[in-house]
C-alpha atoms as a PDB file:
ATOM      1  CA  MET A   1      -0.091  -0.170   0.211  1.00  0.00           C
ATOM      2  CA  ARG A   2       2.908   2.415   0.593  1.00  0.00           C
ATOM      3  CA  ARG A   3       4.435   1.805  -2.255  1.00  0.00           C
ATOM      4  CA  GLN A   4       1.735   2.105  -4.389  1.00  0.00           C
ATOM      5  CA  MET A   5       1.151   5.637  -2.792  1.00  0.00           C
ATOM      6  CA  TYR A   6       4.311   6.727  -3.138  1.00  0.00           C
ATOM      7  CA  ILE A   7       4.094   6.105  -7.309  1.00  0.00           C
ATOM      8  CA  LEU A   8       0.581   8.286  -7.269  1.00  0.00           C
ATOM      9  CA  ALA A   9       2.053  10.811  -5.191  1.00  0.00           C
ATOM     10  CA  PHE A  10       5.038  10.885  -7.644  1.00  0.00           C
ATOM     11  CA  LEU A  11       2.776  10.369 -10.884  1.00  0.00           C
ATOM     12  CA  ALA A  12       0.446  13.490  -9.386  1.00  0.00           C
ATOM     13  CA  VAL A  13       3.677  15.833  -9.262  1.00  0.00           C
ATOM     14  CA  ALA A  14       4.775  14.748 -12.459  1.00  0.00           C
ATOM     15  CA  ALA A  15       1.755  15.858 -14.100  1.00  0.00           C
ATOM     16  CA  THR A  16       1.511  19.363 -12.610  1.00  0.00           C
ATOM     17  CA  GLY A  17       4.135  20.321 -14.474  1.00  0.00           C
ATOM     18  CA  THR A  18       4.704  21.462 -17.911  1.00  0.00           C
ATOM     19  CA  ALA A  19       4.816  17.285 -19.196  1.00  0.00           C
ATOM     20  CA  ALA A  20       2.406  14.977 -18.037  1.00  0.00           C
ATOM     21  CA  ALA A  21       3.408  11.607 -17.045  1.00  0.00           C
ATOM     22  CA  GLN A  22       3.619   8.705 -19.230  1.00  0.00           C
ATOM     23  CA  ALA A  23       2.150   4.945 -17.249  1.00  0.00           C
ATOM     24  CA  PRO A  24       4.215   3.237 -15.180  1.00  0.00           C
ATOM     25  CA  ILE A  25       6.834   0.738 -16.860  1.00  0.00           C
ATOM     26  CA  HIS A  26       7.198  -2.411 -15.016  1.00  0.00           C
ATOM     27  CA  ARG A  27       9.818  -5.030 -15.156  1.00  0.00           C
ATOM     28  CA  GLY A  28      11.259  -8.200 -13.646  1.00  0.00           C
ATOM     29  CA  ARG A  29      13.082 -11.530 -13.557  1.00  0.00           C
ATOM     30  CA  LEU A  30      14.269 -14.265 -12.154  1.00  0.00           C
ATOM     31  CA  ILE A  31      18.215 -13.663 -11.411  1.00  0.00           C
ATOM     32  CA  ALA A  32      20.299 -15.272  -8.399  1.00  0.00           C
ATOM     33  CA  PRO A  33      20.359 -14.131  -4.778  1.00  0.00           C
ATOM     34  CA  ASP A  34      24.249 -12.270  -5.211  1.00  0.00           C
ATOM     35  CA  ALA A  35      23.434 -10.946  -8.495  1.00  0.00           C
ATOM     36  CA  ALA A  36      24.911  -7.408  -9.901  1.00  0.00           C
ATOM     37  CA  VAL A  37      21.951  -4.858 -10.057  1.00  0.00           C
ATOM     38  CA  ARG A  38      23.430  -1.600 -11.704  1.00  0.00           C
ATOM     39  CA  ILE A  39      21.375   1.495 -11.736  1.00  0.00           C
ATOM     40  CA  PHE A  40      21.556   5.064 -13.313  1.00  0.00           C
ATOM     41  CA  ASN A  41      18.706   7.993 -13.009  1.00  0.00           C
ATOM     42  CA  ILE A  42      20.193  11.425 -12.975  1.00  0.00           C
ATOM     43  CA  ALA A  43      17.166  13.325 -12.174  1.00  0.00           C
ATOM     44  CA  GLY A  44      14.663  11.864  -9.451  1.00  0.00           C
ATOM     45  CA  THR A  45      14.284   9.335  -7.528  1.00  0.00           C
ATOM     46  CA  VAL A  46      15.706   5.692  -6.756  1.00  0.00           C
ATOM     47  CA  ARG A  47      14.551   3.095  -3.993  1.00  0.00           C
ATOM     48  CA  VAL A  48      15.710   0.348  -3.291  1.00  0.00           C
ATOM     49  CA  THR A  49      14.553  -2.486  -1.443  1.00  0.00           C
ATOM     50  CA  GLY A  50      16.171  -5.685  -0.607  1.00  0.00           C
ATOM     51  CA  TRP A  51      13.154  -8.868  -0.513  1.00  0.00           C
ATOM     52  CA  ASP A  52      13.455 -12.308   0.669  1.00  0.00           C
ATOM     53  CA  ARG A  53      12.913 -13.682  -3.898  1.00  0.00           C
ATOM     54  CA  ASP A  54      14.885 -14.521  -6.144  1.00  0.00           C
ATOM     55  CA  SER A  55      13.742 -11.729  -8.487  1.00  0.00           C
ATOM     56  CA  VAL A  56      14.057  -8.255  -9.356  1.00  0.00           C
ATOM     57  CA  ASP A  57      11.210  -6.133 -10.017  1.00  0.00           C
ATOM     58  CA  VAL A  58      11.058  -2.562 -11.130  1.00  0.00           C
ATOM     59  CA  THR A  59       8.753  -0.178 -11.074  1.00  0.00           C
ATOM     60  CA  ALA A  60       9.761   3.397 -13.290  1.00  0.00           C
ATOM     61  CA  VAL A  61       7.738   6.518 -13.384  1.00  0.00           C
ATOM     62  CA  VAL A  62       9.250   8.300 -16.409  1.00  0.00           C
ATOM     63  CA  PRO A  63       7.483  11.217 -16.952  1.00  0.00           C
ATOM     64  CA  LYS A  64       7.224  13.149 -21.288  1.00  0.00           C
ATOM     65  CA  GLY A  65      10.468  14.708 -22.133  1.00  0.00           C
ATOM     66  CA  ALA A  66      12.516  13.092 -19.315  1.00  0.00           C
ATOM     67  CA  GLY A  67      14.717  10.296 -21.661  1.00  0.00           C
ATOM     68  CA  GLU A  68      14.086   6.612 -22.635  1.00  0.00           C
ATOM     69  CA  PHE A  69      13.697   3.574 -19.708  1.00  0.00           C
ATOM     70  CA  MET A  70      16.399   0.642 -20.356  1.00  0.00           C
ATOM     71  CA  PHE A  71      16.698  -2.875 -18.742  1.00  0.00           C
ATOM     72  CA  GLY A  72      18.540  -5.462 -19.714  1.00  0.00           C
ATOM     73  CA  GLY A  73      20.638  -8.511 -18.453  1.00  0.00           C
ATOM     74  CA  GLY A  74      20.883 -12.184 -17.423  1.00  0.00           C
ATOM     75  CA  SER A  75      20.853 -14.055 -14.335  1.00  0.00           C
ATOM     76  CA  GLY A  76      23.733 -12.995 -12.756  1.00  0.00           C
ATOM     77  CA  GLY A  77      23.184  -9.274 -12.918  1.00  0.00           C
ATOM     78  CA  VAL A  78      21.041  -7.116 -14.277  1.00  0.00           C
ATOM     79  CA  LYS A  79      21.476  -2.734 -15.750  1.00  0.00           C
ATOM     80  CA  MET A  80      18.677  -0.450 -15.870  1.00  0.00           C
ATOM     81  CA  GLY A  81      18.631   3.317 -16.447  1.00  0.00           C
ATOM     82  CA  ILE A  82      17.299   6.444 -17.993  1.00  0.00           C
ATOM     83  CA  ASN A  83      18.635   7.863 -21.376  1.00  0.00           C
ATOM     84  CA  PRO A  84      18.162  11.434 -21.344  1.00  0.00           C
ATOM     85  CA  PRO A  85      16.642  12.986 -23.926  1.00  0.00           C
ATOM     86  CA  VAL A  86      20.086  14.221 -26.623  1.00  0.00           C
ATOM     87  CA  GLY A  87      20.313  18.585 -26.449  1.00  0.00           C
ATOM     88  CA  GLU A  88      17.735  18.954 -22.990  1.00  0.00           C
ATOM     89  CA  ALA A  89      19.909  20.293 -19.980  1.00  0.00           C
ATOM     90  CA  VAL A  90      16.904  20.929 -18.278  1.00  0.00           C
ATOM     91  CA  TYR A  91      13.492  17.689 -17.626  1.00  0.00           C
ATOM     92  CA  PRO A  92      11.497  15.879 -15.610  1.00  0.00           C
ATOM     93  CA  GLY A  93      13.015  13.187 -12.963  1.00  0.00           C
ATOM     94  CA  SER A  94      12.078   9.728 -12.748  1.00  0.00           C
ATOM     95  CA  LEU A  95      11.235   7.423 -10.165  1.00  0.00           C
ATOM     96  CA  PHE A  96      12.508   3.829  -9.939  1.00  0.00           C
ATOM     97  CA  GLU A  97      10.904   1.574  -7.103  1.00  0.00           C
ATOM     98  CA  VAL A  98      13.255  -1.829  -7.425  1.00  0.00           C
ATOM     99  CA  ARG A  99      12.685  -4.694  -5.260  1.00  0.00           C
ATOM    100  CA  VAL A 100      15.940  -6.892  -5.124  1.00  0.00           C
ATOM    101  CA  PRO A 101      17.077 -10.169  -3.566  1.00  0.00           C
ATOM    102  CA  THR A 102      18.900  -9.105  -0.216  1.00  0.00           C
ATOM    103  CA  ARG A 103      22.620 -10.416  -0.802  1.00  0.00           C
ATOM    104  CA  ALA A 104      22.419  -8.783  -4.617  1.00  0.00           C
ATOM    105  CA  ARG A 105      25.546  -6.259  -5.013  1.00  0.00           C
ATOM    106  CA  VAL A 106      24.106  -3.016  -5.661  1.00  0.00           C
ATOM    107  CA  TRP A 107      25.508  -0.009  -7.503  1.00  0.00           C
ATOM    108  CA  ILE A 108      23.505   3.027  -8.807  1.00  0.00           C
ATOM    109  CA  LYS A 109      25.014   6.156  -9.830  1.00  0.00           C
ATOM    110  CA  THR A 110      22.743   9.767 -10.423  1.00  0.00           C
ATOM    111  CA  GLU A 111      23.396  13.046 -10.331  1.00  0.00           C
ATOM    112  CA  SER A 112      20.426  15.589  -8.331  1.00  0.00           C
ATOM    113  CA  ALA A 113      18.000  12.404  -8.418  1.00  0.00           C
ATOM    114  CA  GLU A 114      18.029  11.132  -4.474  1.00  0.00           C
ATOM    115  CA  ILE A 115      18.942   7.608  -3.585  1.00  0.00           C
ATOM    116  CA  LEU A 116      16.956   5.288  -1.158  1.00  0.00           C
ATOM    117  CA  VAL A 117      18.343   1.900  -0.128  1.00  0.00           C
ATOM    118  CA  SER A 118      17.329  -0.531   2.963  1.00  0.00           C
ATOM    119  CA  GLY A 119      17.077  -4.208   3.687  1.00  0.00           C
ATOM    120  CA  LEU A 120      20.290  -5.225   1.598  1.00  0.00           C
ATOM    121  CA  THR A 121      22.702  -7.595   3.542  1.00  0.00           C
ATOM    122  CA  SER A 122      25.666  -8.076   0.921  1.00  0.00           C
ATOM    123  CA  SER A 123      27.561  -4.328  -0.948  1.00  0.00           C
ATOM    124  CA  ALA A 124      26.131  -1.190  -1.643  1.00  0.00           C
ATOM    125  CA  ASP A 125      27.932   1.107  -4.126  1.00  0.00           C
ATOM    126  CA  LEU A 126      26.069   4.402  -3.978  1.00  0.00           C
ATOM    127  CA  SER A 127      27.253   7.881  -5.952  1.00  0.00           C
ATOM    128  CA  SER A 128      25.304  10.866  -6.249  1.00  0.00           C
ATOM    129  CA  VAL A 129      26.540  15.213  -7.472  1.00  0.00           C
ATOM    130  CA  SER A 130      23.833  16.658  -6.001  1.00  0.00           C
ATOM    131  CA  GLY A 131      21.103  14.016  -4.448  1.00  0.00           C
ATOM    132  CA  ARG A 132      20.502  12.801  -1.145  1.00  0.00           C
ATOM    133  CA  ILE A 133      21.731   9.043  -0.038  1.00  0.00           C
ATOM    134  CA  VAL A 134      20.081   7.502   2.911  1.00  0.00           C
ATOM    135  CA  VAL A 135      20.711   4.356   4.311  1.00  0.00           C
ATOM    136  CA  THR A 136      19.417   1.541   6.321  1.00  0.00           C
ATOM    137  CA  GLY A 137      19.425  -2.029   7.669  1.00  0.00           C
ATOM    138  CA  ASP A 138      22.719  -4.765   7.765  1.00  0.00           C
ATOM    139  CA  VAL A 139      24.642  -4.162   4.854  1.00  0.00           C
ATOM    140  CA  ALA A 140      28.364  -5.826   5.464  1.00  0.00           C
ATOM    141  CA  GLN A 141      29.513  -2.874   3.389  1.00  0.00           C
ATOM    142  CA  LEU A 142      28.973   0.159   2.052  1.00  0.00           C
ATOM    143  CA  SER A 143      30.507   2.827  -0.192  1.00  0.00           C
ATOM    144  CA  ALA A 144      28.517   6.324  -0.831  1.00  0.00           C
ATOM    145  CA  GLU A 145      29.266   9.525  -1.909  1.00  0.00           C
ATOM    146  CA  SER A 146      27.233  12.673  -2.480  1.00  0.00           C
ATOM    147  CA  MET A 147      29.568  15.816  -3.651  1.00  0.00           C
ATOM    148  CA  ASP A 148      26.943  17.887  -2.514  1.00  0.00           C
ATOM    149  CA  GLY A 149      23.797  16.263  -1.034  1.00  0.00           C
ATOM    150  CA  GLY A 150      23.649  14.956   2.294  1.00  0.00           C
ATOM    151  CA  ILE A 151      24.338  11.232   3.479  1.00  0.00           C
ATOM    152  CA  ASP A 152      22.564   9.744   5.961  1.00  0.00           C
ATOM    153  CA  VAL A 153      23.377   6.332   6.724  1.00  0.00           C
ATOM    154  CA  TYR A 154      22.046   4.020  10.019  1.00  0.00           C
ATOM    155  CA  VAL A 155      23.208   0.658   9.957  1.00  0.00           C
ATOM    156  CA  ASN A 156      24.971  -2.621  11.569  1.00  0.00           C
ATOM    157  CA  ALA A 157      28.215  -3.140   8.943  1.00  0.00           C
ATOM    158  CA  SER A 158      31.315  -4.595   8.662  1.00  0.00           C
ATOM    159  CA  LEU A 159      32.845  -1.699   5.592  1.00  0.00           C
ATOM    160  CA  VAL A 160      31.768   2.183   5.681  1.00  0.00           C
ATOM    161  CA  ARG A 161      32.893   4.446   3.239  1.00  0.00           C
ATOM    162  CA  LEU A 162      31.006   7.794   3.102  1.00  0.00           C
ATOM    163  CA  LYS A 163      32.420  11.030   1.112  1.00  0.00           C
ATOM    164  CA  SER A 164      31.044  14.348   0.833  1.00  0.00           C
ATOM    165  CA  ALA A 165      32.664  18.113  -0.303  1.00  0.00           C
ATOM    166  CA  GLY A 166      29.842  20.046   1.109  1.00  0.00           C
ATOM    167  CA  GLY A 167      26.955  17.563   2.347  1.00  0.00           C
ATOM    168  CA  THR A 168      26.483  16.918   5.389  1.00  0.00           C
ATOM    169  CA  ILE A 169      27.546  13.164   6.681  1.00  0.00           C
ATOM    170  CA  VAL A 170      25.708  11.435   9.555  1.00  0.00           C
ATOM    171  CA  LEU A 171      26.559   7.582  10.726  1.00  0.00           C
ATOM    172  CA  ARG A 172      25.134   5.688  13.457  1.00  0.00           C
ATOM    173  CA  GLY A 173      24.366   2.072  14.062  1.00  0.00           C
ATOM    174  CA  ASN A 174      27.006  -0.252  14.914  1.00  0.00           C
ATOM    175  CA  VAL A 175      30.388  -0.423  12.483  1.00  0.00           C
ATOM    176  CA  THR A 176      33.471  -2.150  12.559  1.00  0.00           C
ATOM    177  CA  ASP A 177      35.760  -0.398  10.098  1.00  0.00           C
ATOM    178  CA  ALA A 178      34.451   3.443   8.919  1.00  0.00           C
ATOM    179  CA  SER A 179      35.532   6.244   7.108  1.00  0.00           C
ATOM    180  CA  LEU A 180      34.330   9.431   6.796  1.00  0.00           C
ATOM    181  CA  SER A 181      35.724  12.271   4.967  1.00  0.00           C
ATOM    182  CA  THR A 182      34.027  16.040   3.732  1.00  0.00           C
ATOM    183  CA  VAL A 183      35.569  18.812   2.562  1.00  0.00           C
ATOM    184  CA  SER A 184      33.447  21.767   4.089  1.00  0.00           C
ATOM    185  CA  GLY A 185      30.719  19.641   4.808  1.00  0.00           C
ATOM    186  CA  ALA A 186      29.886  18.561   8.733  1.00  0.00           C
ATOM    187  CA  ALA A 187      30.415  14.884   9.536  1.00  0.00           C
ATOM    188  CA  THR A 188      28.890  13.086  12.806  1.00  0.00           C
ATOM    189  CA  ALA A 189      30.119   9.062  13.772  1.00  0.00           C
ATOM    190  CA  GLN A 190      27.604   8.300  16.409  1.00  0.00           C
ATOM    191  CA  LEU A 191      27.678   4.135  16.606  1.00  0.00           C
ATOM    192  CA  ALA A 192      26.876   1.740  19.331  1.00  0.00           C
ATOM    193  CA  GLY A 193      30.412   0.180  18.620  1.00  0.00           C
ATOM    194  CA  LEU A 194      33.683   0.690  16.266  1.00  0.00           C
ATOM    195  CA  ASP A 195      36.685  -1.219  15.745  1.00  0.00           C
ATOM    196  CA  ARG A 196      38.546   1.602  13.359  1.00  0.00           C
ATOM    197  CA  GLY A 197      37.496   5.022  12.441  1.00  0.00           C
ATOM    198  CA  ARG A 198      39.031   7.684  10.540  1.00  0.00           C
ATOM    199  CA  MET A 199      37.286  10.741  10.193  1.00  0.00           C
ATOM    200  CA  GLU A 200      38.889  14.285   7.904  1.00  0.00           C
ATOM    201  CA  THR A 201      37.539  17.326   6.877  1.00  0.00           C
ATOM    202  CA  VAL A 202      39.504  20.303   5.770  1.00  0.00           C
ATOM    203  CA  GLY A 203      36.883  23.098   7.077  1.00  0.00           C
ATOM    204  CA  GLY A 204      33.700  21.051   8.570  1.00  0.00           C
ATOM    205  CA  HIS A 205      33.161  20.019  12.233  1.00  0.00           C
ATOM    206  CA  LEU A 206      33.546  16.238  13.008  1.00  0.00           C
ATOM    207  CA  THR A 207      31.407  14.841  15.760  1.00  0.00           C
ATOM    208  CA  PHE A 208      32.968  11.623  16.967  1.00  0.00           C
ATOM    209  CA  GLU A 209      30.645   9.776  19.382  1.00  0.00           C
ATOM    210  CA  ALA A 210      31.152   6.026  19.896  1.00  0.00           C
ATOM    211  CA  GLY A 211      31.602   2.634  21.832  1.00  0.00           C
ATOM    212  CA  LEU A 212      35.374   2.147  21.454  1.00  0.00           C
ATOM    213  CA  ARG A 213      36.614  -1.868  21.710  1.00  0.00           C
ATOM    214  CA  PRO A 214      39.451  -2.878  23.885  1.00  0.00           C
ATOM    215  CA  GLY A 215      42.512  -2.312  20.923  1.00  0.00           C
ATOM    216  CA  GLY A 216      40.609  -0.324  18.889  1.00  0.00           C
ATOM    217  CA  ASN A 217      42.295   2.443  16.584  1.00  0.00           C
ATOM    218  CA  TYR A 218      40.510   5.733  15.973  1.00  0.00           C
ATOM    219  CA  THR A 219      41.957   9.086  13.586  1.00  0.00           C
ATOM    220  CA  LEU A 220      40.085  12.099  13.526  1.00  0.00           C
ATOM    221  CA  GLU A 221      41.721  14.983  11.720  1.00  0.00           C
ATOM    222  CA  SER A 222      41.030  18.633  10.252  1.00  0.00           C
ATOM    223  CA  HIS A 223      42.472  21.663   9.078  1.00  0.00           C
ATOM    224  CA  SER A 224      40.398  24.600  10.670  1.00  0.00           C
ATOM    225  CA  GLY A 225      37.043  22.318  11.354  1.00  0.00           C
ATOM    226  CA  ASP A 226      36.513  21.855  14.897  1.00  0.00           C
ATOM    227  CA  ILE A 227      36.384  18.769  16.328  1.00  0.00           C
ATOM    228  CA  SER A 228      34.263  16.832  19.345  1.00  0.00           C
ATOM    229  CA  ILE A 229      34.609  13.877  21.161  1.00  0.00           C
ATOM    230  CA  ARG A 230      32.331  12.428  23.292  1.00  0.00           C
ATOM    231  CA  LEU A 231      33.346   9.493  25.432  1.00  0.00           C
ATOM    232  CA  PRO A 232      31.721   8.025  28.231  1.00  0.00           C
ATOM    233  CA  SER A 233      32.647   8.931  31.601  1.00  0.00           C
ATOM    234  CA  ASN A 234      34.619   5.912  32.643  1.00  0.00           C
ATOM    235  CA  PHE A 235      37.010   5.897  29.346  1.00  0.00           C
ATOM    236  CA  ASP A 236      40.271   4.063  29.876  1.00  0.00           C
ATOM    237  CA  GLY A 237      41.884   4.434  26.428  1.00  0.00           C
ATOM    238  CA  ALA A 238      44.836   6.267  25.554  1.00  0.00           C
ATOM    239  CA  LEU A 239      44.188   9.883  23.747  1.00  0.00           C
ATOM    240  CA  ASP A 240      46.447  12.029  21.864  1.00  0.00           C
ATOM    241  CA  LEU A 241      44.864  15.260  20.786  1.00  0.00           C
ATOM    242  CA  THR A 242      47.099  18.295  19.380  1.00  0.00           C
ATOM    243  CA  ALA A 243      45.533  21.783  18.387  1.00  0.00           C
ATOM    244  CA  LEU A 244      48.676  22.935  16.846  1.00  0.00           C
ATOM    245  CA  GLU A 245      47.108  26.297  16.454  1.00  0.00           C
ATOM    246  CA  GLY A 246      44.046  26.104  17.867  1.00  0.00           C
ATOM    247  CA  ARG A 247      43.039  24.768  21.639  1.00  0.00           C
ATOM    248  CA  VAL A 248      42.209  21.766  22.849  1.00  0.00           C
ATOM    249  CA  VAL A 249      39.382  21.920  26.050  1.00  0.00           C
ATOM    250  CA  ASN A 250      38.988  18.684  28.173  1.00  0.00           C
ATOM    251  CA  ARG A 251      35.606  18.093  30.020  1.00  0.00           C
ATOM    252  CA  LEU A 252      36.290  14.691  30.250  1.00  0.00           C
ATOM    253  CA  THR A 253      39.379  13.359  32.426  1.00  0.00           C
ATOM    254  CA  LYS A 254      41.672  15.410  35.315  1.00  0.00           C
ATOM    255  CA  SER A 255      44.806  15.200  32.775  1.00  0.00           C
ATOM    256  CA  PRO A 256      46.131  18.797  31.681  1.00  0.00           C
ATOM    257  CA  VAL A 257      46.062  20.469  28.775  1.00  0.00           C
ATOM    258  CA  ASN A 258      49.778  21.492  27.904  1.00  0.00           C
ATOM    259  CA  PRO A 259      51.195  23.900  25.089  1.00  0.00           C
ATOM    260  CA  THR A 260      52.919  22.920  21.883  1.00  0.00           C
ATOM    261  CA  ASN A 261      56.336  22.889  21.178  1.00  0.00           C
ATOM    262  CA  GLN A 262      55.688  26.118  19.846  1.00  0.00           C
ATOM    263  CA  ARG A 263      53.346  27.584  22.302  1.00  0.00           C
ATOM    264  CA  ARG A 264      51.283  28.720  19.851  1.00  0.00           C
ATOM    265  CA  GLY A 265      48.397  25.648  20.231  1.00  0.00           C
ATOM    266  CA  GLU A 266      47.396  22.926  22.860  1.00  0.00           C
ATOM    267  CA  PHE A 267      47.688  19.283  23.119  1.00  0.00           C
ATOM    268  CA  LEU A 268      46.445  16.325  25.374  1.00  0.00           C
ATOM    269  CA  ALA A 269      47.879  13.051  26.128  1.00  0.00           C
ATOM    270  CA  THR A 270      46.969  10.450  28.211  1.00  0.00           C
ATOM    271  CA  SER A 271      47.692   6.647  28.112  1.00  0.00           C
ATOM    272  CA  GLY A 272      45.288   3.107  29.133  1.00  0.00           C
ATOM    273  CA  GLY A 273      46.087  -0.417  29.948  1.00  0.00           C
ATOM    274  CA  LYS A 274      47.569  -3.103  27.309  1.00  0.00           C
ATOM    275  CA  ALA A 275      44.507  -3.995  25.437  1.00  0.00           C
ATOM    276  CA  THR A 276      42.740  -0.163  25.506  1.00  0.00           C
ATOM    277  CA  ALA A 277      41.451   1.623  22.925  1.00  0.00           C
ATOM    278  CA  GLU A 278      43.272   4.390  20.837  1.00  0.00           C
ATOM    279  CA  LEU A 279      42.401   7.675  19.956  1.00  0.00           C
ATOM    280  CA  VAL A 280      44.360  10.201  17.600  1.00  0.00           C
ATOM    281  CA  GLY A 281      43.047  14.140  16.997  1.00  0.00           C
ATOM    282  CA  ARG A 282      44.555  16.491  15.007  1.00  0.00           C
ATOM    283  CA  THR A 283      43.805  19.922  14.114  1.00  0.00           C
ATOM    284  CA  PHE A 284      46.056  22.776  12.672  1.00  0.00           C
ATOM    285  CA  LYS A 285      43.892  25.702  13.107  1.00  0.00           C
ATOM    286  CA  GLY A 286      40.424  24.496  14.623  1.00  0.00           C
ATOM    287  CA  THR A 287      39.397  23.620  18.062  1.00  0.00           C
ATOM    288  CA  ILE A 288      39.347  19.845  19.790  1.00  0.00           C
ATOM    289  CA  THR A 289      36.778  19.682  22.476  1.00  0.00           C
ATOM    290  CA  LEU A 290      36.511  16.630  24.809  1.00  0.00           C
ATOM    291  CA  GLU A 291      33.640  15.558  26.589  1.00  0.00           C
ATOM    292  CA  VAL A 292      31.455  13.661  28.265  1.00  0.00           C
ATOM    293  CA  GLN A 293      28.597  11.447  26.315  1.00  0.00           C
ATOM    294  CA  THR A 294      25.249  12.646  26.973  1.00  0.00           C
ATOM    295  CA  LYS A 295      22.909   9.469  25.588  1.00  0.00           C
ATOM    296  CA  PRO A 296      22.633   6.622  27.995  1.00  0.00           C
END
């Protein structure tokens, strides 16, 4: 029912424009449980949902003037997308509603279209120029990149790689190995558990709040962006925080903050036990703030 309402709403919106919407296009076929699925849509929305069937089911709403729908492939993999109209700089967006096996390996590329993914357990490789990317579920490996669109991820995963230039990144859930990178956008990692993590930015604000595991290794780096680190009050790991020309604010431990050798910045260094986590924070001109987690 929700799927039908979503498609009907998209049709209604498209029909109010200068070009009337065409009837929905439906395609489907049997594919292997771990088949590769490739989707390309310049503008509009791509929604992919994993289901417990060895088949792919596609409903596409392609307004008049949006381009030509294509679909093909075999049991090992399928490809679908929109061939945009030749010579047109602006055209209406298309809706892709796609159901794939939960173990399918999904690749999606768009320009301004948003990407919505849920229910996958294998891998997803997602890329957009300005579209928003939202991912939920228990995907094993995830790579998502959007130049200016926001990336919102809530997953249990082994490997996560998220990258943006000016968009905001938010990662939540439980992850073994995570990497978040921006140029000017803010990035937040709020995780119940994390073994290895890396966050880096030029001028964005980094926020790190995670349940650190014994032996874990974490690195946070910025040039001029501030870094906020929120850890449990009983944190017993090793900290190595340096602001070369900025400040280090310690609201978590009793360890002193000291001036750097050049006395233009500050640093904080503590040591933990043999099996404890190690967290390194580096900024050139920003401020590093260490404080207690506010959530339970």
